[in-house]
PDB file of N, CA and C in Angstrom:
ATOM      1  N   MET A   1      19.457 -17.726 -25.304  1.00  0.00           N
ATOM      2  CA  MET A   1      19.201 -17.818 -24.667  1.00  0.00           C
ATOM      3  C   MET A   1      17.982 -16.871 -23.681  1.00  0.00           C
ATOM      4  N   SER A   2      16.961 -16.879 -23.567  1.00  0.00           N
ATOM      5  CA  SER A   2      16.718 -15.909 -22.463  1.00  0.00           C
ATOM      6  C   SER A   2      17.135 -16.373 -20.731  1.00  0.00           C
ATOM      7  N   LEU A   3      17.077 -14.575 -20.011  1.00  0.00           N
ATOM      8  CA  LEU A   3      17.179 -15.105 -18.900  1.00  0.00           C
ATOM      9  C   LEU A   3      16.004 -15.826 -18.323  1.00  0.00           C
ATOM     10  N   ASN A   4      14.631 -15.465 -18.852  1.00  0.00           N
ATOM     11  CA  ASN A   4      13.950 -16.461 -18.066  1.00  0.00           C
ATOM     12  C   ASN A   4      13.540 -17.328 -17.867  1.00  0.00           C
ATOM     13  N   GLN A   5      14.688 -18.173 -19.127  1.00  0.00           N
ATOM     14  CA  GLN A   5      14.428 -19.901 -18.759  1.00  0.00           C
ATOM     15  C   GLN A   5      15.642 -20.017 -18.625  1.00  0.00           C
ATOM     16  N   ASN A   6      16.000 -19.505 -18.087  1.00  0.00           N
ATOM     17  CA  ASN A   6      17.198 -19.534 -17.417  1.00  0.00           C
ATOM     18  C   ASN A   6      16.839 -20.067 -15.565  1.00  0.00           C
ATOM     19  N   LYS A   7      17.106 -20.342 -14.645  1.00  0.00           N
ATOM     20  CA  LYS A   7      16.225 -20.771 -13.493  1.00  0.00           C
ATOM     21  C   LYS A   7      17.426 -20.095 -12.937  1.00  0.00           C
ATOM     22  N   LYS A   8      19.289 -20.248 -12.953  1.00  0.00           N
ATOM     23  CA  LYS A   8      20.138 -19.545 -12.545  1.00  0.00           C
ATOM     24  C   LYS A   8      19.631 -18.333 -12.112  1.00  0.00           C
ATOM     25  N   TYR A   9      19.541 -17.296 -13.268  1.00  0.00           N
ATOM     26  CA  TYR A   9      18.960 -15.731 -13.902  1.00  0.00           C
ATOM     27  C   TYR A   9      17.046 -15.846 -12.906  1.00  0.00           C
ATOM     28  N   GLU A  10      16.541 -16.348 -12.339  1.00  0.00           N
ATOM     29  CA  GLU A  10      15.208 -16.353 -11.406  1.00  0.00           C
ATOM     30  C   GLU A  10      14.782 -15.964 -10.612  1.00  0.00           C
ATOM     31  N   THR A  11      14.428 -14.448 -10.773  1.00  0.00           N
ATOM     32  CA  THR A  11      14.301 -13.595  -9.124  1.00  0.00           C
ATOM     33  C   THR A  11      13.906 -14.191  -8.216  1.00  0.00           C
ATOM     34  N   LYS A  12      14.190 -14.415  -6.888  1.00  0.00           N
ATOM     35  CA  LYS A  12      13.505 -15.362  -6.450  1.00  0.00           C
ATOM     36  C   LYS A  12      13.532 -13.664  -4.998  1.00  0.00           C
ATOM     37  N   ILE A  13      13.600 -12.269  -4.625  1.00  0.00           N
ATOM     38  CA  ILE A  13      12.613 -11.487  -4.259  1.00  0.00           C
ATOM     39  C   ILE A  13      11.533 -11.062  -5.079  1.00  0.00           C
ATOM     40  N   ALA A  14      10.216 -10.772  -3.981  1.00  0.00           N
ATOM     41  CA  ALA A  14       9.328 -10.870  -5.317  1.00  0.00           C
ATOM     42  C   ALA A  14       9.000 -11.569  -6.265  1.00  0.00           C
ATOM     43  N   SER A  15       8.573 -12.264  -6.503  1.00  0.00           N
ATOM     44  CA  SER A  15       9.165 -13.476  -7.588  1.00  0.00           C
ATOM     45  C   SER A  15       7.693 -13.648  -7.628  1.00  0.00           C
ATOM     46  N   GLN A  16       6.302 -13.314  -7.982  1.00  0.00           N
ATOM     47  CA  GLN A  16       5.201 -13.227  -8.292  1.00  0.00           C
ATOM     48  C   GLN A  16       4.892 -12.365  -9.615  1.00  0.00           C
ATOM     49  N   ALA A  17       4.069 -13.025 -10.829  1.00  0.00           N
ATOM     50  CA  ALA A  17       4.052 -12.401 -11.702  1.00  0.00           C
ATOM     51  C   ALA A  17       3.877 -10.727 -11.826  1.00  0.00           C
ATOM     52  N   ALA A  18       4.330  -9.816 -12.523  1.00  0.00           N
ATOM     53  CA  ALA A  18       3.595  -7.984 -12.302  1.00  0.00           C
ATOM     54  C   ALA A  18       2.447  -8.851 -12.180  1.00  0.00           C
ATOM     55  N   GLY A  19       1.813  -9.369 -13.293  1.00  0.00           N
ATOM     56  CA  GLY A  19       0.079  -8.874 -13.314  1.00  0.00           C
ATOM     57  C   GLY A  19      -0.541  -8.712 -12.108  1.00  0.00           C
ATOM     58  N   ASP A  20       0.006  -9.592 -11.090  1.00  0.00           N
ATOM     59  CA  ASP A  20      -0.396  -9.984  -9.820  1.00  0.00           C
ATOM     60  C   ASP A  20      -0.350  -8.488  -8.727  1.00  0.00           C
ATOM     61  N   GLU A  21       0.041  -8.085  -9.717  1.00  0.00           N
ATOM     62  CA  GLU A  21       0.435  -6.389  -8.991  1.00  0.00           C
ATOM     63  C   GLU A  21      -1.087  -4.667  -8.634  1.00  0.00           C
ATOM     64  N   ASP A  22      -1.402  -5.089  -8.011  1.00  0.00           N
ATOM     65  CA  ASP A  22      -2.594  -3.778  -8.195  1.00  0.00           C
ATOM     66  C   ASP A  22      -1.691  -2.624  -7.857  1.00  0.00           C
ATOM     67  N   ILE A  23      -2.295  -1.005  -7.525  1.00  0.00           N
ATOM     68  CA  ILE A  23      -2.389  -0.182  -6.495  1.00  0.00           C
ATOM     69  C   ILE A  23      -2.455  -0.943  -5.069  1.00  0.00           C
ATOM     70  N   TYR A  24      -3.452  -0.861  -4.897  1.00  0.00           N
ATOM     71  CA  TYR A  24      -3.150  -1.610  -3.809  1.00  0.00           C
ATOM     72  C   TYR A  24      -2.410  -2.231  -2.746  1.00  0.00           C
ATOM     73  N   SER A  25      -1.431  -3.848  -3.261  1.00  0.00           N
ATOM     74  CA  SER A  25      -0.871  -4.768  -3.129  1.00  0.00           C
ATOM     75  C   SER A  25       0.243  -3.679  -2.493  1.00  0.00           C
ATOM     76  N   LEU A  26       0.986  -2.625  -3.760  1.00  0.00           N
ATOM     77  CA  LEU A  26       1.985  -1.827  -3.588  1.00  0.00           C
ATOM     78  C   LEU A  26       2.114  -0.964  -2.196  1.00  0.00           C
ATOM     79  N   ASN A  27       0.702  -0.827  -2.367  1.00  0.00           N
ATOM     80  CA  ASN A  27       1.329   0.226  -1.544  1.00  0.00           C
ATOM     81  C   ASN A  27       0.487   0.253   0.537  1.00  0.00           C
ATOM     82  N   LYS A  28       1.349  -0.480   0.768  1.00  0.00           N
ATOM     83  CA  LYS A  28       0.949  -2.034   2.645  1.00  0.00           C
ATOM     84  C   LYS A  28       1.868  -1.389   3.219  1.00  0.00           C
ATOM     85  N   HIS A  29       2.043  -0.655   4.685  1.00  0.00           N
ATOM     86  CA  HIS A  29       2.681  -0.974   5.633  1.00  0.00           C
ATOM     87  C   HIS A  29       3.189  -1.771   5.670  1.00  0.00           C
ATOM     88  N   THR A  30       3.790  -2.456   6.197  1.00  0.00           N
ATOM     89  CA  THR A  30       3.431  -3.364   7.263  1.00  0.00           C
ATOM     90  C   THR A  30       3.807  -3.642   8.572  1.00  0.00           C
ATOM     91  N   LEU A  31       3.203  -2.378   9.182  1.00  0.00           N
ATOM     92  CA  LEU A  31       3.124  -2.750  10.743  1.00  0.00           C
ATOM     93  C   LEU A  31       1.799  -1.606   9.965  1.00  0.00           C
ATOM     94  N   GLY A  32       0.752  -2.538  11.214  1.00  0.00           N
ATOM     95  CA  GLY A  32      -0.181  -2.172  10.920  1.00  0.00           C
ATOM     96  C   GLY A  32      -0.634  -2.956  13.046  1.00  0.00           C
ATOM     97  N   PRO A  33      -2.164  -2.860  12.668  1.00  0.00           N
ATOM     98  CA  PRO A  33      -3.332  -3.851  14.061  1.00  0.00           C
ATOM     99  C   PRO A  33      -2.784  -4.976  14.580  1.00  0.00           C
ATOM    100  N   GLY A  34      -2.960  -6.135  13.582  1.00  0.00           N
ATOM    101  CA  GLY A  34      -1.687  -7.409  13.541  1.00  0.00           C
ATOM    102  C   GLY A  34      -3.259  -8.695  14.108  1.00  0.00           C
ATOM    103  N   ALA A  35      -2.656  -9.028  14.997  1.00  0.00           N
ATOM    104  CA  ALA A  35      -4.226 -10.181  14.548  1.00  0.00           C
ATOM    105  C   ALA A  35      -4.881 -10.346  15.858  1.00  0.00           C
ATOM    106  N   LEU A  36      -3.359  -9.824  17.172  1.00  0.00           N
ATOM    107  CA  LEU A  36      -4.026  -9.782  18.643  1.00  0.00           C
ATOM    108  C   LEU A  36      -5.838  -8.537  17.623  1.00  0.00           C
ATOM    109  N   ALA A  37      -5.173  -7.625  17.158  1.00  0.00           N
ATOM    110  CA  ALA A  37      -6.689  -6.378  17.219  1.00  0.00           C
ATOM    111  C   ALA A  37      -7.453  -6.756  16.594  1.00  0.00           C
ATOM    112  N   GLU A  38      -7.106  -6.953  15.520  1.00  0.00           N
ATOM    113  CA  GLU A  38      -7.750  -7.592  14.788  1.00  0.00           C
ATOM    114  C   GLU A  38      -8.530  -8.662  15.421  1.00  0.00           C
ATOM    115  N   SER A  39      -8.243 -10.147  16.614  1.00  0.00           N
ATOM    116  CA  SER A  39      -9.318 -10.960  17.258  1.00  0.00           C
ATOM    117  C   SER A  39      -9.899 -10.090  18.072  1.00  0.00           C
ATOM    118  N   GLU A  40      -9.510  -9.323  18.744  1.00  0.00           N
ATOM    119  CA  GLU A  40     -10.238  -8.672  19.586  1.00  0.00           C
ATOM    120  C   GLU A  40     -11.365  -7.283  19.009  1.00  0.00           C
ATOM    121  N   TRP A  41     -11.486  -7.390  17.421  1.00  0.00           N
ATOM    122  CA  TRP A  41     -12.037  -5.791  17.336  1.00  0.00           C
ATOM    123  C   TRP A  41     -13.090  -7.086  17.249  1.00  0.00           C
ATOM    124  N   VAL A  42     -13.444  -7.771  16.494  1.00  0.00           N
ATOM    125  CA  VAL A  42     -14.036  -9.558  16.108  1.00  0.00           C
ATOM    126  C   VAL A  42     -15.203  -9.387  17.968  1.00  0.00           C
ATOM    127  N   GLU A  43     -13.987  -9.989  18.614  1.00  0.00           N
ATOM    128  CA  GLU A  43     -14.740  -9.717  20.104  1.00  0.00           C
ATOM    129  C   GLU A  43     -15.545  -9.529  20.623  1.00  0.00           C
ATOM    130  N   ALA A  44     -15.239  -7.876  20.007  1.00  0.00           N
ATOM    131  CA  ALA A  44     -16.133  -7.176  21.051  1.00  0.00           C
ATOM    132  C   ALA A  44     -16.911  -6.344  19.244  1.00  0.00           C
ATOM    133  N   GLY A  45     -17.484  -7.581  18.957  1.00  0.00           N
ATOM    134  CA  GLY A  45     -18.638  -6.828  18.050  1.00  0.00           C
ATOM    135  C   GLY A  45     -17.185  -5.764  16.461  1.00  0.00           C
ATOM    136  N   LEU A  46     -16.381  -5.270  16.847  1.00  0.00           N
ATOM    137  CA  LEU A  46     -16.273  -3.842  15.920  1.00  0.00           C
ATOM    138  C   LEU A  46     -15.682  -4.875  14.473  1.00  0.00           C
ATOM    139  N   VAL A  47     -16.178  -3.066  13.535  1.00  0.00           N
ATOM    140  CA  VAL A  47     -15.848  -4.110  12.023  1.00  0.00           C
ATOM    141  C   VAL A  47     -14.593  -3.273  11.235  1.00  0.00           C
ATOM    142  N   SER A  48     -14.025  -4.130  10.445  1.00  0.00           N
ATOM    143  CA  SER A  48     -12.114  -3.694  10.399  1.00  0.00           C
ATOM    144  C   SER A  48     -12.357  -2.067   9.325  1.00  0.00           C
ATOM    145  N   PRO A  49     -11.997  -1.655  10.033  1.00  0.00           N
ATOM    146  CA  PRO A  49     -12.072  -0.089   8.624  1.00  0.00           C
ATOM    147  C   PRO A  49     -12.123  -0.384   7.629  1.00  0.00           C
ATOM    148  N   ASN A  50     -12.556   0.393   7.057  1.00  0.00           N
ATOM    149  CA  ASN A  50     -12.179   0.233   4.989  1.00  0.00           C
ATOM    150  C   ASN A  50     -11.102   0.969   5.329  1.00  0.00           C
ATOM    151  N   MET A  51      -9.937  -0.030   4.558  1.00  0.00           N
ATOM    152  CA  MET A  51      -8.724   1.319   4.170  1.00  0.00           C
ATOM    153  C   MET A  51      -9.198   1.870   2.494  1.00  0.00           C
ATOM    154  N   THR A  52      -9.829   1.873   1.632  1.00  0.00           N
ATOM    155  CA  THR A  52      -9.717   1.926   0.484  1.00  0.00           C
ATOM    156  C   THR A  52     -10.706   3.037   0.953  1.00  0.00           C
ATOM    157  N   SER A  53     -12.273   3.065   1.622  1.00  0.00           N
ATOM    158  CA  SER A  53     -12.496   4.808   1.987  1.00  0.00           C
ATOM    159  C   SER A  53     -10.838   5.408   2.765  1.00  0.00           C
ATOM    160  N   ILE A  54     -10.390   4.753   3.747  1.00  0.00           N
ATOM    161  CA  ILE A  54      -9.015   5.647   4.122  1.00  0.00           C
ATOM    162  C   ILE A  54      -8.486   6.898   3.272  1.00  0.00           C
ATOM    163  N   ARG A  55      -8.112   6.049   1.942  1.00  0.00           N
ATOM    164  CA  ARG A  55      -7.121   6.476   1.455  1.00  0.00           C
ATOM    165  C   ARG A  55      -7.613   7.075   0.618  1.00  0.00           C
ATOM    166  N   GLU A  56      -8.750   7.092   0.426  1.00  0.00           N
ATOM    167  CA  GLU A  56      -9.712   7.832  -0.578  1.00  0.00           C
ATOM    168  C   GLU A  56      -9.468   9.145   0.312  1.00  0.00           C
ATOM    169  N   TYR A  57     -10.543   9.478   1.126  1.00  0.00           N
ATOM    170  CA  TYR A  57     -10.553  10.312   2.399  1.00  0.00           C
ATOM    171  C   TYR A  57      -9.441  11.207   1.651  1.00  0.00           C
ATOM    172  N   ARG A  58      -8.197  10.423   2.177  1.00  0.00           N
ATOM    173  CA  ARG A  58      -6.411  10.777   2.225  1.00  0.00           C
ATOM    174  C   ARG A  58      -6.334  11.815   1.719  1.00  0.00           C
ATOM    175  N   LEU A  59      -6.460  10.772   0.545  1.00  0.00           N
ATOM    176  CA  LEU A  59      -5.743  11.951  -1.507  1.00  0.00           C
ATOM    177  C   LEU A  59      -6.698  12.971  -1.237  1.00  0.00           C
ATOM    178  N   GLN A  60      -8.052  12.562  -1.248  1.00  0.00           N
ATOM    179  CA  GLN A  60      -9.184  14.275  -1.660  1.00  0.00           C
ATOM    180  C   GLN A  60      -7.235  15.253  -0.667  1.00  0.00           C
ATOM    181  N   ARG A  61      -7.620  14.623   0.546  1.00  0.00           N
ATOM    182  CA  ARG A  61      -7.398  15.511   1.471  1.00  0.00           C
ATOM    183  C   ARG A  61      -6.199  16.951   0.517  1.00  0.00           C
ATOM    184  N   VAL A  62      -5.602  16.113   0.463  1.00  0.00           N
ATOM    185  CA  VAL A  62      -4.148  16.268  -0.370  1.00  0.00           C
ATOM    186  C   VAL A  62      -4.471  16.969  -1.852  1.00  0.00           C
ATOM    187  N   ARG A  63      -5.524  16.210  -2.366  1.00  0.00           N
ATOM    188  CA  ARG A  63      -5.591  17.324  -4.022  1.00  0.00           C
ATOM    189  C   ARG A  63      -6.629  18.447  -3.612  1.00  0.00           C
ATOM    190  N   ASP A  64      -7.295  18.730  -1.838  1.00  0.00           N
ATOM    191  CA  ASP A  64      -7.963  19.745  -2.088  1.00  0.00           C
ATOM    192  C   ASP A  64      -6.651  20.701  -1.285  1.00  0.00           C
ATOM    193  N   LYS A  65      -5.629  20.112  -0.939  1.00  0.00           N
ATOM    194  CA  LYS A  65      -4.656  20.994  -0.171  1.00  0.00           C
ATOM    195  C   LYS A  65      -3.603  22.388  -1.491  1.00  0.00           C
ATOM    196  N   LEU A  66      -3.663  20.914  -2.188  1.00  0.00           N
ATOM    197  CA  LEU A  66      -3.158  20.943  -3.559  1.00  0.00           C
ATOM    198  C   LEU A  66      -3.851  22.873  -4.444  1.00  0.00           C
ATOM    199  N   ILE A  67      -4.818  22.587  -4.587  1.00  0.00           N
ATOM    200  CA  ILE A  67      -5.285  23.350  -5.227  1.00  0.00           C
ATOM    201  C   ILE A  67      -5.370  24.676  -4.133  1.00  0.00           C
ATOM    202  N   GLU A  68      -5.522  24.013  -2.868  1.00  0.00           N
ATOM    203  CA  GLU A  68      -5.795  25.428  -2.582  1.00  0.00           C
ATOM    204  C   GLU A  68      -4.401  26.361  -2.381  1.00  0.00           C
ATOM    205  N   PHE A  69      -2.992  25.419  -2.188  1.00  0.00           N
ATOM    206  CA  PHE A  69      -2.328  26.231  -2.148  1.00  0.00           C
ATOM    207  C   PHE A  69      -0.807  26.554  -3.318  1.00  0.00           C
ATOM    208  N   ASP A  70      -2.025  26.034  -4.844  1.00  0.00           N
ATOM    209  CA  ASP A  70      -1.960  26.393  -6.285  1.00  0.00           C
ATOM    210  C   ASP A  70      -0.779  25.772  -6.546  1.00  0.00           C
ATOM    211  N   CYS A  71      -0.468  24.777  -5.601  1.00  0.00           N
ATOM    212  CA  CYS A  71       0.621  24.413  -6.257  1.00  0.00           C
ATOM    213  C   CYS A  71       0.786  23.368  -7.210  1.00  0.00           C
ATOM    214  N   ALA A  72       1.460  22.640  -8.145  1.00  0.00           N
ATOM    215  CA  ALA A  72       1.176  21.596  -9.235  1.00  0.00           C
ATOM    216  C   ALA A  72       2.002  20.283  -9.389  1.00  0.00           C
ATOM    217  N   GLY A  73       1.692  20.365  -7.473  1.00  0.00           N
ATOM    218  CA  GLY A  73       1.999  19.219  -7.471  1.00  0.00           C
ATOM    219  C   GLY A  73       2.626  18.980  -6.015  1.00  0.00           C
ATOM    220  N   ILE A  74       3.502  17.504  -5.339  1.00  0.00           N
ATOM    221  CA  ILE A  74       3.875  16.987  -4.342  1.00  0.00           C
ATOM    222  C   ILE A  74       4.900  16.204  -4.664  1.00  0.00           C
ATOM    223  N   LEU A  75       6.045  16.160  -3.862  1.00  0.00           N
ATOM    224  CA  LEU A  75       6.114  15.256  -3.647  1.00  0.00           C
ATOM    225  C   LEU A  75       6.624  14.612  -1.635  1.00  0.00           C
ATOM    226  N   LEU A  76       5.356  13.029  -2.134  1.00  0.00           N
ATOM    227  CA  LEU A  76       5.122  12.637  -0.812  1.00  0.00           C
ATOM    228  C   LEU A  76       6.114  10.945  -0.067  1.00  0.00           C
ATOM    229  N   TYR A  77       6.182  10.991   0.945  1.00  0.00           N
ATOM    230  CA  TYR A  77       8.080   9.902   1.171  1.00  0.00           C
ATOM    231  C   TYR A  77       8.036   9.365   2.315  1.00  0.00           C
ATOM    232  N   ASP A  78       7.643   7.875   2.845  1.00  0.00           N
ATOM    233  CA  ASP A  78       8.091   7.961   3.977  1.00  0.00           C
ATOM    234  C   ASP A  78       8.980   8.136   4.563  1.00  0.00           C
ATOM    235  N   PRO A  79       9.937   8.714   5.148  1.00  0.00           N
ATOM    236  CA  PRO A  79      10.790   8.896   6.305  1.00  0.00           C
ATOM    237  C   PRO A  79      11.498   7.650   6.991  1.00  0.00           C
ATOM    238  N   VAL A  80      10.590   6.094   7.486  1.00  0.00           N
ATOM    239  CA  VAL A  80      10.898   5.526   7.696  1.00  0.00           C
ATOM    240  C   VAL A  80      11.248   4.840   6.754  1.00  0.00           C
ATOM    241  N   ASN A  81      10.970   4.672   5.424  1.00  0.00           N
ATOM    242  CA  ASN A  81      11.462   3.786   5.070  1.00  0.00           C
ATOM    243  C   ASN A  81      12.598   4.163   4.080  1.00  0.00           C
ATOM    244  N   ILE A  82      13.337   5.456   3.730  1.00  0.00           N
ATOM    245  CA  ILE A  82      14.671   5.716   3.516  1.00  0.00           C
ATOM    246  C   ILE A  82      15.340   5.401   4.006  1.00  0.00           C
TER     247      ILE A  82
END
């Protein structure tokens, strides 16, 4: 019998299908502007920040510095999440 066929051993944490995950759904911080800030942005006529553009900009800055300092790689982590 497969473990997937037995409900007793079915995962309860992060039980979404593996195919539903992508780089953006796996790389989100739980901290953020929140509903209050977002509603204030809407009231003020401001647009939400384009997170894809921000991530791409930050990634390119890191890549440029790696090239500048002749580094083959870098280890990045969130010290709050350790």
